[in-house]
Protein backbone atom coordinates (compact mmCIF):
# COMPACT_ATOMS: atom_id res chain seq x y z
CA MET A 1 0.05 0.06 0.36
CA LYS A 2 1.14 3.70 -1.03
CA SER A 3 2.61 6.09 2.22
CA LYS A 4 -0.51 8.13 0.88
CA VAL A 5 -4.07 6.79 2.67
CA LEU A 6 -6.29 8.00 0.08
CA PHE A 7 -9.56 5.95 1.59
CA GLN A 8 -10.86 6.56 5.24
CA LEU A 9 -13.51 6.09 7.10
CA PHE A 10 -15.36 8.19 8.53
CA ASP A 11 -15.11 8.01 11.97
CA THR A 12 -11.16 7.99 12.08
CA PHE A 13 -11.52 11.62 11.32
CA LYS A 14 -11.52 14.14 14.58
CA LEU A 15 -10.92 18.46 14.62
CA SER A 16 -9.11 20.10 17.07
CA SER A 17 -10.15 22.71 16.37
CA ASP A 18 -13.63 25.40 16.10
CA LYS A 19 -12.31 27.64 13.29
CA VAL A 20 -13.50 24.68 10.18
CA SER A 21 -15.69 26.01 7.63
CA LEU A 22 -17.70 23.59 5.92
CA VAL A 23 -19.45 23.64 1.87
CA ARG A 24 -21.72 21.17 1.78
CA ASN A 25 -22.79 20.44 -2.48
CA VAL A 26 -20.65 21.49 -4.34
CA THR A 27 -20.08 19.72 -7.92
CA LEU A 28 -16.68 21.26 -9.71
CA LYS A 29 -15.40 20.29 -13.80
CA ALA A 30 -11.74 20.16 -14.56
CA LYS A 31 -10.35 18.66 -17.38
CA ILE A 32 -7.70 15.94 -16.46
CA PRO A 33 -4.49 15.50 -18.27
CA GLY A 34 -5.06 11.56 -20.17
CA MET A 35 -8.69 12.10 -20.49
CA GLU A 36 -10.16 12.96 -23.31
CA LYS A 37 -13.57 14.99 -21.61
CA GLU A 38 -14.08 17.15 -19.17
CA LEU A 39 -14.88 15.52 -15.62
CA ALA A 40 -17.06 16.78 -13.11
CA ALA A 41 -17.13 15.46 -9.71
CA HIS A 42 -19.55 16.41 -6.58
CA TYR A 43 -18.30 16.27 -3.06
CA ASP A 44 -21.07 15.74 -0.70
CA ASN A 45 -19.45 17.32 1.97
CA ILE A 46 -16.20 19.85 1.93
CA VAL A 47 -14.16 20.59 5.74
CA ILE A 48 -11.73 23.04 5.36
CA ASP A 49 -10.20 23.65 8.88
CA ASP A 50 -8.34 26.05 10.22
CA ASN A 51 -4.92 24.90 8.41
CA GLY A 52 -7.11 25.55 4.98
CA ASN A 53 -6.29 21.97 4.82
CA LEU A 54 -9.30 20.08 2.20
CA HIS A 55 -11.32 17.11 4.08
CA ILE A 56 -13.78 15.69 1.60
CA PHE A 57 -16.40 13.52 2.48
CA ASN A 58 -19.51 11.34 0.39
CA TYR A 59 -21.56 9.58 1.30
CA LYS A 60 -21.96 6.10 -0.10
CA TYR A 61 -25.81 4.07 0.11
CA THR A 62 -25.07 0.97 1.19
CA ALA A 63 -26.93 -2.28 2.28
CA SER A 64 -24.10 -3.91 3.49
CA PRO A 65 -21.83 -3.41 6.97
CA LEU A 66 -18.19 -2.39 6.24
CA HIS A 67 -16.63 -5.21 7.45
CA GLU A 68 -18.08 -7.31 4.64
CA TRP A 69 -17.24 -4.79 1.98
CA GLY A 70 -16.05 -6.67 -0.54
CA SER A 71 -11.94 -5.66 -1.97
CA ASN A 72 -13.45 -4.51 -5.52
CA LYS A 73 -15.89 -2.24 -3.86
CA ILE A 74 -12.97 -0.17 -1.78
CA GLU A 75 -11.24 -0.54 -4.63
CA THR A 76 -13.75 1.07 -6.98
CA TYR A 77 -13.96 3.44 -4.00
CA LYS A 78 -10.21 4.41 -3.39
CA HIS A 79 -10.51 4.94 -7.35
CA GLU A 80 -13.65 7.74 -6.82
CA MET A 81 -12.19 9.95 -4.57
CA ALA A 82 -7.96 9.89 -6.04
CA VAL A 83 -10.09 11.11 -8.92
CA LEU A 84 -11.79 13.91 -7.32
CA LYS A 85 -8.73 15.07 -5.85
CA GLN A 86 -7.49 15.24 -9.13
CA VAL A 87 -10.50 17.50 -9.89
CA LEU A 88 -10.35 19.52 -7.15
CA ALA A 89 -6.39 19.62 -7.84
CA ALA A 90 -6.95 20.52 -11.59
CA ASN A 91 -9.03 23.28 -9.60
CA GLY A 92 -6.68 25.48 -8.25
CA TYR A 93 -6.76 24.03 -5.37
CA ASP A 94 -4.11 22.50 -2.76
CA THR A 95 -4.64 18.93 -2.77
CA ASN A 96 -1.35 18.17 -0.69
CA LYS A 97 -3.02 17.61 2.61
CA CYS A 98 -6.89 17.22 1.49
CA THR A 99 -7.83 13.56 3.45
CA LEU A 100 -10.91 12.24 1.81
CA HIS A 101 -13.39 9.54 3.50
CA ILE A 102 -16.64 7.91 2.96
CA ILE A 103 -19.88 7.64 4.85
CA PRO A 104 -21.67 4.93 4.28
CA ILE A 105 -25.34 5.19 4.80
């Protein structure tokens, strides 16, 4: 596994400051190198902490508990979250300390 974790579960995230901003239901478009068409990416919740770091929280509907998620499902979500990060970067956002989280519902 690479040193950067692109997939985390909601309960692993903690904010240590009250100085945060929450932005909901954001859609951004970007041309990603190596892809023919422009991509549109939807972000359910973006938390901006007091250091300006972005923390993305996207909801995913699931009928199965997390411990039953197969590796294919997890890999699909990892790929999706990596693309979301690329779209942010293509729009000029610093994603070096960006964290990506799935909220299963």
